[in-house]
Amino acid sequence: MPGLIKRIDRLPRLRLCCRPPVAPSGVAAAAGGGSMEVQVTWDPLAASASVGHYRVYRRKTAGQFYLLAVVTADALGTLVPGKLGIVDAPDYWPWPSGADPSAERCYAVSAVSTAGVEGPMSAEACASPL
């Protein structure tokens, strides 16, 4: 019986270790510098969220997203002070065949914990490139 109690005592700790981070907030998309670019930025989660990295998704069609980039905390402030972000442009990323590079693009961001558990996607942010 004592062995069973010890196992039960460990269960809540196991669940806590593997909770996904919350969805990132402050996700924004804006036209870039004139080369069909869109800049996507968001607020980093607090250190207590134990985020290993972020995943940036681009919407392909309604309900379909594809992984565009993985971003680590090393990118903090490279585009906007205090924010994480990427620049999406036809010459930077693999461009989906048949896509119009001048059309509006929508993005969502998720956080992945240091344990490898991905949290929910953020609200979408959309912009048309210049």
N, C-alpha and C. Protein backbone atom coordinates (compact mmCIF):
# COMPACT_ATOMS: atom_id res chain seq x y z
N MET A 1 0.81 -1.21 0.00
CA MET A 1 0.00 0.00 0.00
C MET A 1 0.85 1.27 0.00
N PRO A 2 1.96 1.31 0.77
CA PRO A 2 2.77 2.53 0.74
C PRO A 2 3.33 2.83 -0.66
N GLY A 3 3.64 1.80 -1.44
CA GLY A 3 4.15 2.02 -2.80
C GLY A 3 3.11 2.67 -3.70
N LEU A 4 1.85 2.27 -3.55
CA LEU A 4 0.76 2.86 -4.33
C LEU A 4 0.55 4.32 -3.97
N ILE A 5 0.65 4.64 -2.71
CA ILE A 5 0.48 6.03 -2.26
C ILE A 5 1.60 6.89 -2.83
N LYS A 6 2.81 6.36 -2.85
CA LYS A 6 3.93 7.12 -3.42
C LYS A 6 3.70 7.41 -4.90
N ARG A 7 3.17 6.42 -5.64
CA ARG A 7 2.88 6.63 -7.06
C ARG A 7 1.80 7.67 -7.26
N ILE A 8 0.78 7.62 -6.46
CA ILE A 8 -0.31 8.61 -6.57
C ILE A 8 0.20 10.00 -6.24
N ASP A 9 1.08 10.11 -5.26
CA ASP A 9 1.65 11.42 -4.91
C ASP A 9 2.42 12.04 -6.06
N ARG A 10 2.99 11.21 -6.92
CA ARG A 10 3.77 11.72 -8.04
C ARG A 10 2.91 12.18 -9.21
N LEU A 11 1.71 11.70 -9.34
CA LEU A 11 0.87 12.03 -10.50
C LEU A 11 0.65 13.52 -10.71
N PRO A 12 0.27 14.30 -9.71
CA PRO A 12 0.08 15.74 -9.97
C PRO A 12 1.35 16.42 -10.48
N ARG A 13 2.49 16.00 -9.97
CA ARG A 13 3.73 16.61 -10.44
C ARG A 13 4.01 16.27 -11.90
N LEU A 14 3.67 15.06 -12.32
CA LEU A 14 3.86 14.70 -13.71
C LEU A 14 2.97 15.54 -14.61
N ARG A 15 1.73 15.76 -14.21
CA ARG A 15 0.84 16.57 -15.02
C ARG A 15 1.33 18.02 -15.11
N LEU A 16 1.86 18.54 -14.01
CA LEU A 16 2.34 19.92 -14.02
C LEU A 16 3.54 20.10 -14.93
N CYS A 17 4.38 19.07 -15.00
CA CYS A 17 5.59 19.21 -15.82
C CYS A 17 5.26 19.32 -17.30
N CYS A 18 4.12 18.77 -17.67
CA CYS A 18 3.84 18.65 -19.10
C CYS A 18 2.69 19.52 -19.58
N ARG A 19 2.36 20.52 -18.83
CA ARG A 19 1.30 21.42 -19.28
C ARG A 19 1.85 22.30 -20.41
N PRO A 20 1.05 22.51 -21.43
CA PRO A 20 1.52 23.35 -22.53
C PRO A 20 1.53 24.83 -22.13
N PRO A 21 2.38 25.62 -22.73
CA PRO A 21 2.36 27.06 -22.49
C PRO A 21 1.07 27.66 -23.05
N VAL A 22 0.71 28.83 -22.56
CA VAL A 22 -0.46 29.53 -23.10
C VAL A 22 -0.13 30.06 -24.49
N ALA A 23 -1.15 30.48 -25.20
CA ALA A 23 -0.95 31.07 -26.53
C ALA A 23 -0.24 32.42 -26.40
N PRO A 24 0.70 32.70 -27.26
CA PRO A 24 1.36 34.00 -27.24
C PRO A 24 0.36 35.13 -27.52
N SER A 25 0.63 36.28 -26.95
CA SER A 25 -0.23 37.44 -27.18
C SER A 25 0.55 38.53 -27.90
N GLY A 26 -0.16 39.55 -28.31
CA GLY A 26 0.48 40.67 -28.99
C GLY A 26 0.95 40.34 -30.39
N VAL A 27 0.37 39.32 -31.02
CA VAL A 27 0.79 38.94 -32.37
C VAL A 27 0.31 40.01 -33.34
N ALA A 28 1.23 40.51 -34.14
CA ALA A 28 0.92 41.56 -35.11
C ALA A 28 1.63 41.28 -36.41
N ALA A 29 0.98 41.62 -37.51
CA ALA A 29 1.58 41.48 -38.84
C ALA A 29 1.48 42.84 -39.52
N ALA A 30 2.55 43.22 -40.21
CA ALA A 30 2.57 44.51 -40.90
C ALA A 30 3.37 44.37 -42.18
N ALA A 31 3.01 45.18 -43.15
CA ALA A 31 3.75 45.20 -44.42
C ALA A 31 5.21 45.54 -44.14
N GLY A 32 6.09 44.91 -44.92
CA GLY A 32 7.51 45.12 -44.73
C GLY A 32 8.05 46.22 -45.62
N GLY A 33 9.29 46.04 -46.05
CA GLY A 33 10.01 47.11 -46.71
C GLY A 33 9.91 47.20 -48.22
N GLY A 34 8.87 46.69 -48.84
CA GLY A 34 8.71 46.90 -50.26
C GLY A 34 9.11 45.75 -51.15
N SER A 35 9.51 44.62 -50.59
CA SER A 35 9.89 43.46 -51.39
C SER A 35 8.95 42.31 -51.13
N MET A 36 7.66 42.61 -51.05
CA MET A 36 6.63 41.62 -50.75
C MET A 36 6.82 40.99 -49.37
N GLU A 37 7.35 41.76 -48.44
CA GLU A 37 7.63 41.28 -47.10
C GLU A 37 6.46 41.56 -46.15
N VAL A 38 6.30 40.68 -45.18
CA VAL A 38 5.40 40.89 -44.05
C VAL A 38 6.21 40.60 -42.79
N GLN A 39 6.16 41.53 -41.85
CA GLN A 39 6.85 41.35 -40.58
C GLN A 39 5.84 40.88 -39.54
N VAL A 40 6.15 39.79 -38.85
CA VAL A 40 5.28 39.23 -37.82
C VAL A 40 6.02 39.33 -36.49
N THR A 41 5.37 39.93 -35.49
CA THR A 41 5.99 40.09 -34.18
C THR A 41 5.00 39.65 -33.10
N TRP A 42 5.52 39.32 -31.93
CA TRP A 42 4.69 38.96 -30.78
C TRP A 42 5.47 39.17 -29.50
N ASP A 43 4.72 39.20 -28.39
CA ASP A 43 5.32 39.37 -27.07
C ASP A 43 5.84 38.01 -26.58
N PRO A 44 7.05 37.98 -26.02
CA PRO A 44 7.53 36.71 -25.46
C PRO A 44 6.75 36.38 -24.20
N LEU A 45 6.59 35.10 -23.93
CA LEU A 45 5.94 34.68 -22.68
C LEU A 45 6.92 34.84 -21.53
N ALA A 46 6.38 34.89 -20.32
CA ALA A 46 7.22 35.03 -19.13
C ALA A 46 8.14 33.82 -18.98
N ALA A 47 9.26 34.03 -18.33
CA ALA A 47 10.23 32.96 -18.13
C ALA A 47 9.61 31.78 -17.39
N SER A 48 8.63 32.04 -16.53
CA SER A 48 7.99 30.96 -15.77
C SER A 48 7.22 30.00 -16.68
N ALA A 49 6.94 30.38 -17.92
CA ALA A 49 6.24 29.50 -18.87
C ALA A 49 7.15 28.41 -19.42
N SER A 50 8.45 28.51 -19.17
CA SER A 50 9.44 27.52 -19.63
C SER A 50 9.31 27.22 -21.12
N VAL A 51 9.35 28.27 -21.93
CA VAL A 51 9.23 28.12 -23.38
C VAL A 51 10.60 27.77 -23.96
N GLY A 52 10.62 26.70 -24.76
CA GLY A 52 11.84 26.31 -25.45
C GLY A 52 12.00 27.05 -26.77
N HIS A 53 10.87 27.20 -27.47
CA HIS A 53 10.87 27.94 -28.73
C HIS A 53 9.42 28.24 -29.14
N TYR A 54 9.29 29.03 -30.17
CA TYR A 54 7.98 29.40 -30.72
C TYR A 54 7.89 28.86 -32.14
N ARG A 55 6.68 28.55 -32.56
CA ARG A 55 6.44 28.13 -33.94
C ARG A 55 5.53 29.17 -34.60
N VAL A 56 5.95 29.61 -35.77
CA VAL A 56 5.16 30.57 -36.54
C VAL A 56 4.50 29.82 -37.69
N TYR A 57 3.19 29.96 -37.78
CA TYR A 57 2.42 29.28 -38.83
C TYR A 57 1.83 30.32 -39.77
N ARG A 58 1.75 29.95 -41.02
CA ARG A 58 1.09 30.80 -42.01
C ARG A 58 -0.14 30.06 -42.52
N ARG A 59 -1.26 30.79 -42.59
CA ARG A 59 -2.49 30.15 -43.05
C ARG A 59 -2.42 29.92 -44.55
N LYS A 60 -2.74 28.71 -44.95
CA LYS A 60 -2.77 28.36 -46.37
C LYS A 60 -4.19 28.57 -46.90
N THR A 61 -5.16 27.96 -46.25
CA THR A 61 -6.58 28.15 -46.55
C THR A 61 -7.32 28.09 -45.22
N ALA A 62 -8.62 28.23 -45.25
CA ALA A 62 -9.40 28.18 -44.01
C ALA A 62 -9.13 26.88 -43.27
N GLY A 63 -8.67 26.99 -42.04
CA GLY A 63 -8.41 25.82 -41.22
C GLY A 63 -7.13 25.07 -41.53
N GLN A 64 -6.31 25.56 -42.48
CA GLN A 64 -5.06 24.90 -42.82
C GLN A 64 -3.90 25.87 -42.66
N PHE A 65 -2.92 25.44 -41.87
CA PHE A 65 -1.71 26.24 -41.64
C PHE A 65 -0.51 25.37 -41.95
N TYR A 66 0.58 26.01 -42.32
CA TYR A 66 1.83 25.26 -42.44
C TYR A 66 2.89 25.98 -41.62
N LEU A 67 3.84 25.19 -41.12
CA LEU A 67 4.90 25.72 -40.28
C LEU A 67 5.85 26.56 -41.13
N LEU A 68 5.99 27.80 -40.74
CA LEU A 68 6.84 28.72 -41.48
C LEU A 68 8.22 28.85 -40.85
N ALA A 69 8.26 28.93 -39.52
CA ALA A 69 9.55 29.15 -38.85
C ALA A 69 9.50 28.69 -37.40
N VAL A 70 10.66 28.41 -36.87
CA VAL A 70 10.85 28.14 -35.45
C VAL A 70 11.74 29.26 -34.93
N VAL A 71 11.32 29.90 -33.85
CA VAL A 71 12.02 31.08 -33.33
C VAL A 71 12.38 30.83 -31.87
N THR A 72 13.63 31.09 -31.51
CA THR A 72 14.08 30.96 -30.12
C THR A 72 14.21 32.34 -29.48
N ALA A 73 14.44 32.34 -28.20
CA ALA A 73 14.58 33.60 -27.45
C ALA A 73 15.77 34.43 -27.94
N ASP A 74 16.70 33.82 -28.65
CA ASP A 74 17.86 34.56 -29.18
C ASP A 74 17.43 35.66 -30.14
N ALA A 75 16.24 35.54 -30.72
CA ALA A 75 15.75 36.54 -31.68
C ALA A 75 15.08 37.74 -31.01
N LEU A 76 15.02 37.75 -29.69
CA LEU A 76 14.36 38.84 -28.98
C LEU A 76 15.00 40.18 -29.33
N GLY A 77 14.16 41.09 -29.81
CA GLY A 77 14.61 42.44 -30.10
C GLY A 77 15.30 42.64 -31.44
N THR A 78 15.45 41.62 -32.26
CA THR A 78 16.15 41.80 -33.53
C THR A 78 15.33 42.63 -34.52
N LEU A 79 14.00 42.57 -34.45
CA LEU A 79 13.15 43.36 -35.34
C LEU A 79 12.53 44.56 -34.64
N VAL A 80 12.02 44.32 -33.44
CA VAL A 80 11.37 45.35 -32.63
C VAL A 80 11.83 45.15 -31.18
N PRO A 81 12.25 46.22 -30.51
CA PRO A 81 12.71 46.05 -29.12
C PRO A 81 11.64 45.38 -28.24
N GLY A 82 12.07 44.36 -27.47
CA GLY A 82 11.19 43.68 -26.54
C GLY A 82 10.24 42.68 -27.17
N LYS A 83 10.32 42.47 -28.48
CA LYS A 83 9.43 41.53 -29.16
C LYS A 83 10.24 40.47 -29.90
N LEU A 84 9.58 39.36 -30.17
CA LEU A 84 10.14 38.33 -31.05
C LEU A 84 9.49 38.49 -32.41
N GLY A 85 10.14 38.01 -33.46
CA GLY A 85 9.51 38.14 -34.77
C GLY A 85 10.31 37.53 -35.90
N ILE A 86 9.65 37.55 -37.06
CA ILE A 86 10.26 37.09 -38.30
C ILE A 86 9.85 38.02 -39.42
N VAL A 87 10.54 37.93 -40.54
CA VAL A 87 10.15 38.61 -41.77
C VAL A 87 9.87 37.52 -42.80
N ASP A 88 8.66 37.54 -43.35
CA ASP A 88 8.25 36.56 -44.36
C ASP A 88 8.27 37.25 -45.72
N ALA A 89 9.05 36.70 -46.63
CA ALA A 89 9.14 37.24 -47.98
C ALA A 89 9.39 36.09 -48.95
N PRO A 90 8.95 36.22 -50.20
CA PRO A 90 9.14 35.13 -51.17
C PRO A 90 10.60 34.71 -51.33
N ASP A 91 11.51 35.64 -51.13
CA ASP A 91 12.92 35.27 -51.31
C ASP A 91 13.56 34.73 -50.03
N TYR A 92 12.84 34.77 -48.90
CA TYR A 92 13.39 34.28 -47.63
C TYR A 92 12.95 32.86 -47.31
N TRP A 93 11.72 32.49 -47.68
CA TRP A 93 11.15 31.22 -47.27
C TRP A 93 10.72 30.42 -48.50
N PRO A 94 10.59 29.14 -48.34
CA PRO A 94 10.02 28.36 -49.45
C PRO A 94 8.60 28.85 -49.72
N TRP A 95 8.33 29.26 -50.91
CA TRP A 95 7.03 29.84 -51.26
C TRP A 95 6.12 28.76 -51.80
N PRO A 96 4.89 28.65 -51.27
CA PRO A 96 4.00 27.61 -51.77
C PRO A 96 3.69 27.81 -53.25
N SER A 97 3.75 26.77 -54.00
CA SER A 97 3.52 26.91 -55.43
C SER A 97 2.11 27.41 -55.70
N GLY A 98 1.98 28.29 -56.62
CA GLY A 98 0.69 28.83 -57.01
C GLY A 98 0.20 29.97 -56.13
N ALA A 99 0.92 30.33 -55.08
CA ALA A 99 0.49 31.40 -54.20
C ALA A 99 0.81 32.76 -54.81
N ASP A 100 -0.04 33.72 -54.58
CA ASP A 100 0.17 35.09 -55.04
C ASP A 100 0.97 35.83 -53.97
N PRO A 101 2.22 36.21 -54.22
CA PRO A 101 3.04 36.86 -53.19
C PRO A 101 2.52 38.23 -52.77
N SER A 102 1.58 38.82 -53.53
CA SER A 102 1.05 40.13 -53.15
C SER A 102 -0.26 40.02 -52.37
N ALA A 103 -0.77 38.82 -52.18
CA ALA A 103 -2.04 38.62 -51.47
C ALA A 103 -1.84 38.75 -49.96
N GLU A 104 -2.93 39.04 -49.27
CA GLU A 104 -2.89 39.12 -47.81
C GLU A 104 -2.43 37.79 -47.23
N ARG A 105 -1.64 37.88 -46.17
CA ARG A 105 -1.13 36.69 -45.49
C ARG A 105 -1.53 36.76 -44.03
N CYS A 106 -1.89 35.60 -43.47
CA CYS A 106 -2.31 35.52 -42.08
C CYS A 106 -1.41 34.55 -41.33
N TYR A 107 -1.09 34.89 -40.09
CA TYR A 107 -0.14 34.14 -39.29
C TYR A 107 -0.71 33.87 -37.90
N ALA A 108 -0.21 32.80 -37.29
CA ALA A 108 -0.51 32.48 -35.89
C ALA A 108 0.79 31.93 -35.28
N VAL A 109 0.92 32.10 -33.98
CA VAL A 109 2.14 31.69 -33.28
C VAL A 109 1.75 30.79 -32.10
N SER A 110 2.54 29.76 -31.87
CA SER A 110 2.36 28.92 -30.69
C SER A 110 3.69 28.84 -29.95
N ALA A 111 3.60 28.49 -28.67
CA ALA A 111 4.80 28.30 -27.85
C ALA A 111 4.96 26.82 -27.56
N VAL A 112 6.20 26.37 -27.55
CA VAL A 112 6.53 24.98 -27.24
C VAL A 112 7.37 24.98 -25.97
N SER A 113 6.94 24.19 -24.99
CA SER A 113 7.65 24.16 -23.71
C SER A 113 9.00 23.48 -23.85
N THR A 114 9.81 23.63 -22.83
CA THR A 114 11.11 22.97 -22.83
C THR A 114 10.96 21.45 -22.76
N ALA A 115 9.76 20.98 -22.36
CA ALA A 115 9.46 19.54 -22.35
C ALA A 115 8.96 19.07 -23.71
N GLY A 116 8.80 20.00 -24.68
CA GLY A 116 8.38 19.64 -26.03
C GLY A 116 6.88 19.64 -26.25
N VAL A 117 6.11 20.21 -25.32
CA VAL A 117 4.66 20.24 -25.45
C VAL A 117 4.24 21.57 -26.08
N GLU A 118 3.54 21.49 -27.21
CA GLU A 118 3.10 22.70 -27.90
C GLU A 118 1.77 23.19 -27.35
N GLY A 119 1.69 24.48 -27.12
CA GLY A 119 0.46 25.09 -26.63
C GLY A 119 -0.43 25.50 -27.78
N PRO A 120 -1.57 26.15 -27.47
CA PRO A 120 -2.50 26.56 -28.51
C PRO A 120 -1.94 27.69 -29.37
N MET A 121 -2.50 27.81 -30.56
CA MET A 121 -2.09 28.89 -31.45
C MET A 121 -2.71 30.20 -31.01
N SER A 122 -2.02 31.27 -31.27
CA SER A 122 -2.51 32.62 -30.97
C SER A 122 -3.65 32.98 -31.92
N ALA A 123 -4.23 34.12 -31.66
CA ALA A 123 -5.17 34.69 -32.63
C ALA A 123 -4.38 35.01 -33.89
N GLU A 124 -5.05 34.98 -35.02
CA GLU A 124 -4.38 35.28 -36.29
C GLU A 124 -4.13 36.76 -36.43
N ALA A 125 -3.04 37.09 -37.10
CA ALA A 125 -2.73 38.46 -37.49
C ALA A 125 -2.47 38.44 -38.99
N CYS A 126 -3.08 39.38 -39.71
CA CYS A 126 -2.99 39.38 -41.17
C CYS A 126 -2.45 40.72 -41.68
N ALA A 127 -1.77 40.68 -42.80
CA ALA A 127 -1.27 41.89 -43.45
C ALA A 127 -1.05 41.61 -44.92
N SER A 128 -1.11 42.67 -45.71
CA SER A 128 -0.80 42.59 -47.14
C SER A 128 0.59 43.17 -47.34
N PRO A 129 1.44 42.49 -48.09
CA PRO A 129 2.80 42.99 -48.30
C PRO A 129 2.84 44.20 -49.22
N LEU A 130 3.94 44.92 -49.13
CA LEU A 130 4.19 46.05 -50.02
C LEU A 130 5.08 45.62 -51.17
